Amino acid sequence: MNSILSKNVFLVKEHIGMFKASNNFDIFNPESGSLLMTCREPNLGFFTKMFRFTDYKKMTPFHIIISDLQGKKILSVKRGFTVFRSDVTVFDENDKPLGVFKQKFFSFGGKFEIHDANDRNLCTLQGKWTGWDFKFIKDGKELAHVSKKWAGIGKEFFTSADNYVLEIYNHVPEDAPIRALILASVMCIDMVFKE
């Protein structure tokens, strides 16, 4: 696991643009403002690009690559074409599956069950239908939180509606494999629930 995943707080900023088909993000340290990682969707096919400008955008496949500042892949997040629900797979830097996010039907605000590569349930990602507020919960205990609100030093970075913060709580060990899945799931929230 890349040492950058041991951090507890990440600011995710989406690149915005009028005519962009791909989804691109930058991940910062919100306290210092320094860039930590880039998230790019480099290999969009022609038809996927076309459908991204229609009402079918939520159904299109995606393959986002999360890299460090030297361009070395840390994780990738991939989903095929979907109609009713999304199953999203996360891969490590060697394209080995780390886990799967299984979207639940009929959940208000959005819900994923997060499973490891052996299909064991690790935690649940649960959102509120009233806004951008998602919690990672295991056995009634919160592991991490994604929100558009943060009271930390870098709160001045929140200049647009396309910025949000992921906070992984201190009781999650720095070398826990679930950290990679939690970081990757932030891309799923944006691509599946918020597009």
Protein backbone atom coordinates (compact mmCIF):
# COMPACT_ATOMS: atom_id res chain seq x y z
CA MET A 1 0.00 0.00 0.00
CA ASN A 2 1.29 3.45 -0.93
CA SER A 3 2.29 5.51 2.14
CA ILE A 4 0.18 8.44 0.95
CA LEU A 5 -2.91 6.42 1.89
CA SER A 6 -1.93 6.62 5.56
CA LYS A 7 -3.02 10.28 5.70
CA ASN A 8 -6.32 11.05 7.42
CA VAL A 9 -7.66 14.08 5.53
CA PHE A 10 -7.90 14.65 1.78
CA LEU A 11 -9.41 17.54 -0.17
CA VAL A 12 -10.87 16.43 -3.51
CA LYS A 13 -11.34 19.08 -6.20
CA GLU A 14 -13.12 18.22 -9.43
CA HIS A 15 -11.98 19.84 -12.66
CA ILE A 16 -14.92 21.70 -14.09
CA GLY A 17 -15.54 22.69 -17.67
CA MET A 18 -18.36 23.36 -20.09
CA PHE A 19 -17.63 20.63 -22.63
CA LYS A 20 -15.69 17.96 -20.80
CA ALA A 21 -16.58 14.31 -21.13
CA SER A 22 -13.93 12.88 -18.81
CA ASN A 23 -14.02 13.18 -15.05
CA ASN A 24 -10.79 14.51 -13.58
CA PHE A 25 -9.98 15.31 -9.96
CA ASP A 26 -7.02 16.51 -7.93
CA ILE A 27 -6.47 15.42 -4.33
CA PHE A 28 -4.78 17.86 -1.94
CA ASN A 29 -3.61 18.05 1.64
CA PRO A 30 -6.23 20.57 2.85
CA GLU A 31 -4.03 21.92 5.63
CA SER A 32 -1.07 22.85 3.44
CA GLY A 33 -2.76 23.12 0.05
CA SER A 34 -0.16 20.82 -1.50
CA LEU A 35 -1.18 18.49 -4.31
CA LEU A 36 -0.95 14.80 -3.29
CA MET A 37 -2.55 12.81 -6.12
CA THR A 38 -4.26 13.15 -9.48
CA CYS A 39 -7.32 11.23 -10.67
CA ARG A 40 -7.76 10.98 -14.43
CA GLU A 41 -9.97 9.17 -16.89
CA PRO A 42 -7.51 8.90 -19.78
CA ASN A 43 -8.99 6.34 -22.18
CA LEU A 44 -12.57 7.29 -22.93
CA GLY A 45 -14.05 5.66 -25.99
CA PHE A 46 -15.90 7.64 -28.64
CA PHE A 47 -19.38 6.39 -27.68
CA THR A 48 -18.78 6.90 -23.97
CA LYS A 49 -17.78 10.50 -24.71
CA MET A 50 -20.94 11.01 -26.73
CA PHE A 51 -23.23 9.55 -24.05
CA ARG A 52 -21.60 11.72 -21.37
CA PHE A 53 -23.41 14.69 -22.95
CA THR A 54 -26.85 13.04 -22.75
CA ASP A 55 -29.33 11.97 -20.08
CA TYR A 56 -27.60 8.56 -20.10
CA LYS A 57 -24.45 9.94 -18.48
CA LYS A 58 -25.06 8.04 -15.20
CA MET A 59 -25.10 4.75 -17.13
CA THR A 60 -21.77 5.17 -18.91
CA PRO A 61 -18.71 3.14 -17.95
CA PHE A 62 -15.74 4.77 -16.25
CA HIS A 63 -12.13 3.91 -15.47
CA ILE A 64 -10.41 6.44 -13.22
CA ILE A 65 -6.70 6.12 -12.45
CA ILE A 66 -5.41 7.63 -9.19
CA SER A 67 -1.68 8.46 -9.41
CA ASP A 68 0.99 10.12 -7.32
CA LEU A 69 2.78 13.27 -8.48
CA GLN A 70 5.38 11.24 -10.38
CA GLY A 71 2.60 9.60 -12.43
CA LYS A 72 2.86 6.23 -10.67
CA LYS A 73 -0.51 4.49 -10.38
CA ILE A 74 -1.77 4.05 -6.82
CA LEU A 75 -5.31 2.78 -7.51
CA SER A 76 -7.83 2.52 -10.29
CA VAL A 77 -11.62 2.54 -10.10
CA LYS A 78 -13.66 0.88 -12.84
CA ARG A 79 -17.30 0.29 -13.73
CA GLY A 80 -18.86 -1.08 -16.89
CA PHE A 81 -22.06 0.11 -18.54
CA THR A 82 -24.95 -0.01 -16.07
CA VAL A 83 -28.71 0.39 -16.12
CA PHE A 84 -30.17 -0.04 -12.61
CA ARG A 85 -27.34 -0.34 -10.10
CA SER A 86 -23.58 0.03 -10.06
CA ASP A 87 -20.97 -2.48 -9.03
CA VAL A 88 -17.62 -0.70 -9.05
CA THR A 89 -14.28 -2.53 -8.78
CA VAL A 90 -11.13 -1.08 -7.24
CA PHE A 91 -7.67 -2.27 -8.36
CA ASP A 92 -4.24 -1.74 -6.83
CA GLU A 93 -1.19 -0.35 -8.67
CA ASN A 94 -0.64 -3.77 -10.32
CA ASP A 95 -4.27 -4.08 -11.49
CA LYS A 96 -5.01 -6.69 -8.83
CA PRO A 97 -8.60 -6.39 -7.47
CA LEU A 98 -8.79 -4.89 -3.98
CA GLY A 99 -12.55 -4.83 -3.58
CA VAL A 100 -15.98 -4.04 -4.96
CA PHE A 101 -18.60 -1.43 -4.13
CA LYS A 102 -22.08 -2.90 -4.50
CA GLN A 103 -24.81 -0.30 -4.85
CA LYS A 104 -27.99 -1.03 -2.92
CA PHE A 105 -31.43 -0.59 -4.47
CA PHE A 106 -33.99 1.68 -2.84
CA SER A 107 -31.66 3.56 -0.52
CA PHE A 108 -32.38 7.21 0.16
CA GLY A 109 -29.30 9.32 -0.51
CA GLY A 110 -27.23 6.43 -1.82
CA LYS A 111 -25.72 3.35 -0.27
CA PHE A 112 -22.86 1.00 -1.15
CA GLU A 113 -21.78 -2.20 0.55
CA ILE A 114 -17.97 -2.25 0.40
CA HIS A 115 -16.50 -5.74 -0.05
CA ASP A 116 -12.90 -6.95 -0.22
CA ALA A 117 -11.52 -9.01 -3.11
CA ASN A 118 -12.89 -12.19 -1.46
CA ASP A 119 -16.41 -10.68 -1.31
CA ARG A 120 -16.34 -10.19 2.48
CA ASN A 121 -18.35 -7.17 3.60
CA LEU A 122 -15.98 -4.58 5.13
CA CYS A 123 -18.31 -1.65 5.76
CA THR A 124 -21.24 0.33 4.41
CA LEU A 125 -21.09 3.70 2.69
CA GLN A 126 -24.32 5.52 3.53
CA GLY A 127 -25.39 8.94 2.25
CA LYS A 128 -28.05 11.45 3.20
CA TRP A 129 -30.59 12.40 0.55
CA THR A 130 -30.51 16.02 1.73
CA GLY A 131 -26.96 16.76 0.65
CA TRP A 132 -23.35 15.83 0.28
CA ASP A 133 -22.82 13.86 3.47
CA PHE A 134 -21.55 10.26 3.36
CA LYS A 135 -20.38 8.02 6.19
CA PHE A 136 -18.42 4.76 6.20
CA ILE A 137 -19.86 2.56 8.94
CA LYS A 138 -18.80 -0.83 10.31
CA ASP A 139 -20.60 -2.49 13.22
CA GLY A 140 -22.19 0.84 14.17
CA LYS A 141 -18.84 2.66 14.28
CA GLU A 142 -17.95 5.40 11.82
CA LEU A 143 -14.64 4.86 9.97
CA ALA A 144 -14.62 7.90 7.68
CA HIS A 145 -16.73 10.77 6.45
CA VAL A 146 -17.10 12.64 3.13
CA SER A 147 -18.62 16.12 3.17
CA LYS A 148 -18.58 19.52 1.53
CA LYS A 149 -17.98 21.07 4.96
CA TRP A 150 -14.74 21.15 6.87
CA ALA A 151 -13.57 23.40 9.70
CA GLY A 152 -9.86 22.78 9.26
CA ILE A 153 -7.09 25.16 8.34
CA GLY A 154 -7.63 24.75 4.59
CA LYS A 155 -11.29 25.71 4.58
CA GLU A 156 -10.48 28.60 2.23
CA PHE A 157 -9.92 26.00 -0.53
CA PHE A 158 -13.67 25.38 -0.61
CA THR A 159 -14.40 27.91 -3.31
CA SER A 160 -16.86 25.95 -5.44
CA ALA A 161 -19.54 23.30 -5.15
CA ASP A 162 -17.17 20.74 -6.72
CA ASN A 163 -14.86 20.47 -3.70
CA TYR A 164 -15.26 18.06 -0.83
CA VAL A 165 -13.22 16.52 1.96
CA LEU A 166 -12.61 12.93 3.00
CA GLU A 167 -11.68 12.42 6.63
CA ILE A 168 -10.55 8.95 7.75
CA TYR A 169 -10.73 8.70 11.52
CA ASN A 170 -7.66 8.03 13.68
CA HIS A 171 -8.90 4.64 14.92
CA VAL A 172 -8.47 3.22 11.37
CA PRO A 173 -4.89 1.87 11.34
CA GLU A 174 -2.50 3.67 8.96
CA ASP A 175 -1.71 0.44 7.12
CA ALA A 176 -5.30 -0.88 6.97
CA PRO A 177 -6.19 -2.05 3.43
CA ILE A 178 -9.65 -0.50 3.80
CA ARG A 179 -8.04 2.96 3.48
CA ALA A 180 -7.46 2.36 -0.25
CA LEU A 181 -11.11 1.38 -0.72
CA ILE A 182 -12.34 4.40 1.25
CA LEU A 183 -10.28 6.79 -0.90
CA ALA A 184 -11.42 5.09 -4.12
CA SER A 185 -15.05 5.21 -3.07
CA VAL A 186 -14.98 9.01 -3.13
CA MET A 187 -14.76 8.73 -6.94
CA CYS A 188 -17.77 6.40 -6.87
CA ILE A 189 -19.84 8.86 -4.87
CA ASP A 190 -19.22 11.54 -7.46
CA MET A 191 -19.62 9.33 -10.55
CA VAL A 192 -22.61 7.24 -9.40
CA PHE A 193 -24.66 9.46 -7.09
CA LYS A 194 -23.77 13.03 -7.93
CA GLU A 195 -23.43 13.20 -11.73
